[in-house]
N, C-alpha and C. Protein backbone atom coordinates (compact mmCIF):
# COMPACT_ATOMS: atom_id res chain seq x y z
N MET A 1 -59.04 44.29 -38.78
CA MET A 1 -58.22 43.32 -39.61
C MET A 1 -57.67 44.19 -40.69
N SER A 2 -56.28 43.52 -41.10
CA SER A 2 -55.90 44.35 -42.16
C SER A 2 -55.68 43.22 -43.61
N ASN A 3 -55.99 44.37 -44.73
CA ASN A 3 -55.72 43.53 -45.93
C ASN A 3 -54.16 43.65 -46.43
N GLN A 4 -53.31 44.15 -45.51
CA GLN A 4 -51.61 44.05 -45.99
C GLN A 4 -51.42 42.75 -45.63
N ARG A 5 -50.40 42.07 -46.36
CA ARG A 5 -49.91 40.72 -46.02
C ARG A 5 -48.58 41.00 -45.27
N PRO A 6 -48.43 40.03 -44.32
CA PRO A 6 -47.30 41.11 -43.43
C PRO A 6 -45.83 40.63 -44.44
N VAL A 7 -45.29 41.27 -43.61
CA VAL A 7 -43.45 41.71 -44.39
C VAL A 7 -42.79 40.25 -43.89
N SER A 8 -41.94 39.59 -45.09
CA SER A 8 -41.16 38.35 -44.68
C SER A 8 -39.77 38.69 -44.85
N CYS A 9 -39.34 38.15 -44.01
CA CYS A 9 -37.73 38.45 -43.83
C CYS A 9 -36.91 37.57 -44.83
N PHE A 10 -37.65 36.39 -45.42
CA PHE A 10 -37.12 35.90 -46.46
C PHE A 10 -36.99 36.64 -47.56
N GLY A 11 -35.91 36.86 -48.02
CA GLY A 11 -35.21 37.63 -49.14
C GLY A 11 -34.47 38.95 -48.68
N CYS A 12 -34.74 39.70 -47.35
CA CYS A 12 -34.43 40.74 -47.18
C CYS A 12 -32.48 40.76 -47.32
N ARG A 13 -32.12 41.85 -47.16
CA ARG A 13 -30.73 41.92 -47.37
C ARG A 13 -30.15 42.35 -45.87
N TYR A 14 -31.00 42.48 -45.14
CA TYR A 14 -30.56 42.53 -43.72
C TYR A 14 -30.78 41.51 -42.73
N PHE A 15 -31.80 40.29 -43.07
CA PHE A 15 -32.07 39.00 -42.44
C PHE A 15 -30.72 37.75 -42.32
N VAL A 16 -30.30 37.51 -41.33
CA VAL A 16 -29.23 36.21 -41.20
C VAL A 16 -30.16 35.62 -40.37
N ILE A 17 -29.61 33.79 -40.96
CA ILE A 17 -29.76 32.65 -39.92
C ILE A 17 -28.48 32.43 -39.38
N ASN A 18 -28.74 32.63 -38.09
CA ASN A 18 -27.23 32.15 -37.47
C ASN A 18 -27.05 30.83 -36.66
N HIS A 19 -26.53 30.22 -36.56
CA HIS A 19 -25.85 28.91 -35.29
C HIS A 19 -26.59 29.23 -33.81
N ASP A 20 -27.09 30.57 -33.74
CA ASP A 20 -27.62 30.22 -32.37
C ASP A 20 -28.67 29.40 -31.90
N MET A 21 -28.93 28.49 -31.15
CA MET A 21 -30.32 27.52 -30.74
C MET A 21 -30.98 28.93 -30.43
N ARG A 22 -30.98 29.59 -29.24
CA ARG A 22 -32.07 29.81 -28.87
C ARG A 22 -32.23 31.20 -29.46
N HIS A 23 -31.73 32.02 -30.55
CA HIS A 23 -32.00 33.42 -31.06
C HIS A 23 -31.37 33.16 -32.52
N PRO A 24 -31.64 32.22 -33.21
CA PRO A 24 -30.97 31.84 -34.61
C PRO A 24 -31.54 33.11 -35.75
N TYR A 25 -32.12 33.80 -35.45
CA TYR A 25 -32.64 34.99 -36.38
C TYR A 25 -31.43 36.35 -36.14
N THR A 26 -31.27 37.13 -37.28
CA THR A 26 -30.97 38.52 -36.76
C THR A 26 -31.27 39.21 -38.06
N CYS A 27 -31.35 40.54 -37.01
CA CYS A 27 -31.84 41.92 -37.90
C CYS A 27 -30.82 42.53 -38.31
N GLN A 28 -30.07 43.03 -39.44
CA GLN A 28 -28.72 43.87 -39.08
C GLN A 28 -29.40 45.31 -39.26
N ALA A 29 -30.19 45.38 -39.79
CA ALA A 29 -31.05 46.92 -40.09
C ALA A 29 -30.97 47.47 -38.53
N PHE A 30 -31.91 46.49 -37.80
CA PHE A 30 -32.65 47.12 -36.32
C PHE A 30 -31.19 46.86 -35.44
N GLY A 31 -30.52 45.40 -35.86
CA GLY A 31 -29.23 45.06 -34.41
C GLY A 31 -30.00 44.01 -33.27
N PHE A 32 -30.88 43.50 -33.83
CA PHE A 32 -30.85 42.84 -32.61
C PHE A 32 -31.21 41.25 -33.55
N ARG A 33 -31.13 40.21 -32.14
CA ARG A 33 -31.09 38.79 -32.65
C ARG A 33 -32.57 38.61 -31.86
N SER A 34 -33.35 37.14 -32.41
CA SER A 34 -34.70 37.20 -31.90
C SER A 34 -34.52 35.17 -32.04
N ARG A 35 -35.67 34.65 -31.59
CA ARG A 35 -36.32 33.72 -31.58
C ARG A 35 -37.07 33.63 -32.98
N ARG A 36 -38.34 34.83 -32.75
CA ARG A 36 -39.33 34.42 -34.00
C ARG A 36 -38.29 35.50 -34.93
N LEU A 37 -38.75 35.43 -36.25
CA LEU A 37 -38.51 35.94 -37.47
C LEU A 37 -38.79 37.58 -36.60
N PRO A 38 -37.79 38.31 -37.07
CA PRO A 38 -37.78 40.06 -36.69
C PRO A 38 -38.96 40.92 -37.14
N ALA A 39 -39.34 40.49 -38.40
CA ALA A 39 -40.66 41.28 -38.54
C ALA A 39 -41.57 40.86 -37.93
N LEU A 40 -41.82 39.71 -37.26
CA LEU A 40 -42.46 39.54 -36.48
C LEU A 40 -42.42 40.12 -34.76
N GLU A 41 -41.29 40.23 -34.66
CA GLU A 41 -41.19 40.93 -33.62
C GLU A 41 -41.19 42.60 -33.22
N VAL A 42 -40.68 43.12 -34.74
CA VAL A 42 -41.05 44.31 -35.26
C VAL A 42 -42.62 45.12 -34.72
N THR A 43 -43.25 44.41 -35.70
CA THR A 43 -44.70 44.21 -35.61
C THR A 43 -45.02 44.11 -34.02
N ALA A 44 -44.41 43.00 -33.71
CA ALA A 44 -45.24 42.96 -31.86
C ALA A 44 -44.88 44.44 -31.10
N SER A 45 -43.51 44.63 -31.43
CA SER A 45 -43.20 45.93 -30.24
C SER A 45 -43.34 46.97 -30.49
N SER A 46 -43.44 47.91 -31.95
CA SER A 46 -44.34 48.82 -32.12
C SER A 46 -45.34 48.96 -33.24
N GLY A 47 -46.16 47.85 -33.41
CA GLY A 47 -47.59 48.22 -33.92
C GLY A 47 -47.65 48.04 -35.12
N GLN A 48 -46.48 48.41 -35.78
CA GLN A 48 -46.79 48.60 -37.40
C GLN A 48 -45.68 47.66 -38.38
N ALA A 49 -46.06 47.84 -39.07
CA ALA A 49 -44.86 46.52 -39.82
C ALA A 49 -43.70 47.19 -40.17
N CYS A 50 -42.62 46.10 -40.52
CA CYS A 50 -40.95 46.58 -40.53
C CYS A 50 -41.04 47.05 -42.02
N ASN A 51 -40.15 48.65 -41.39
CA ASN A 51 -40.09 49.56 -43.02
C ASN A 51 -38.89 49.43 -43.28
N ARG A 52 -38.01 48.65 -42.60
CA ARG A 52 -36.50 48.94 -42.78
C ARG A 52 -35.79 47.43 -44.02
N ARG A 53 -37.25 46.62 -44.48
CA ARG A 53 -36.88 45.46 -45.53
C ARG A 53 -36.50 46.05 -46.75
N GLU A 54 -35.46 45.44 -47.33
CA GLU A 54 -34.89 45.75 -48.98
C GLU A 54 -34.72 44.40 -49.45
N ALA A 55 -35.10 44.47 -50.73
CA ALA A 55 -34.61 43.08 -51.38
C ALA A 55 -33.21 42.36 -51.41
N GLN A 56 -32.95 41.42 -51.61
CA GLN A 56 -31.04 41.12 -51.73
C GLN A 56 -30.79 41.76 -53.09
N PRO A 57 -29.67 42.36 -53.65
CA PRO A 57 -29.45 42.12 -54.56
C PRO A 57 -29.32 40.39 -55.51
N LEU A 58 -29.65 40.58 -56.58
CA LEU A 58 -29.24 39.46 -57.26
C LEU A 58 -28.36 38.64 -57.21
N ARG A 59 -28.09 37.86 -57.67
CA ARG A 59 -26.44 37.41 -57.65
C ARG A 59 -26.16 36.86 -59.02
N ARG A 60 -24.79 37.16 -59.47
CA ARG A 60 -24.75 37.15 -60.84
C ARG A 60 -24.54 35.40 -61.01
N GLN A 61 -25.31 34.77 -62.27
CA GLN A 61 -25.09 33.88 -62.68
C GLN A 61 -23.71 33.42 -63.31
N ASP A 62 -23.29 32.30 -62.77
CA ASP A 62 -21.85 31.39 -63.80
C ASP A 62 -22.57 31.82 -65.42
N ALA A 63 -21.68 31.67 -66.20
CA ALA A 63 -21.82 31.32 -67.82
C ALA A 63 -22.48 29.92 -67.67
N PRO A 64 -23.59 29.87 -68.35
CA PRO A 64 -23.59 28.20 -69.01
C PRO A 64 -22.32 27.73 -69.39
N GLY A 65 -22.17 26.47 -69.28
CA GLY A 65 -21.04 25.69 -69.99
C GLY A 65 -19.41 26.31 -69.32
N GLY A 66 -19.62 27.25 -68.30
CA GLY A 66 -18.12 27.76 -68.07
C GLY A 66 -17.72 26.65 -67.02
N THR A 67 -16.42 26.34 -67.00
CA THR A 67 -15.68 25.70 -65.73
C THR A 67 -15.61 26.54 -64.74
N ARG A 68 -15.17 25.56 -63.12
CA ARG A 68 -14.84 26.43 -61.95
C ARG A 68 -13.75 26.17 -61.54
């Protein structure tokens, strides 16, 4: 049993949710689509946790009181 938390695709810069009902999740780092979350596919196929996860860059917030 491992004490490590599983890697989460949510918040990764390479993780994309698309409109393909059969394969809704995409990992742009590894270049594949999947029915399951890509981190689960990577762990199942390699036996190791995903090592390509990078946090998404923070988006710049609009100035308070600004107009659009």
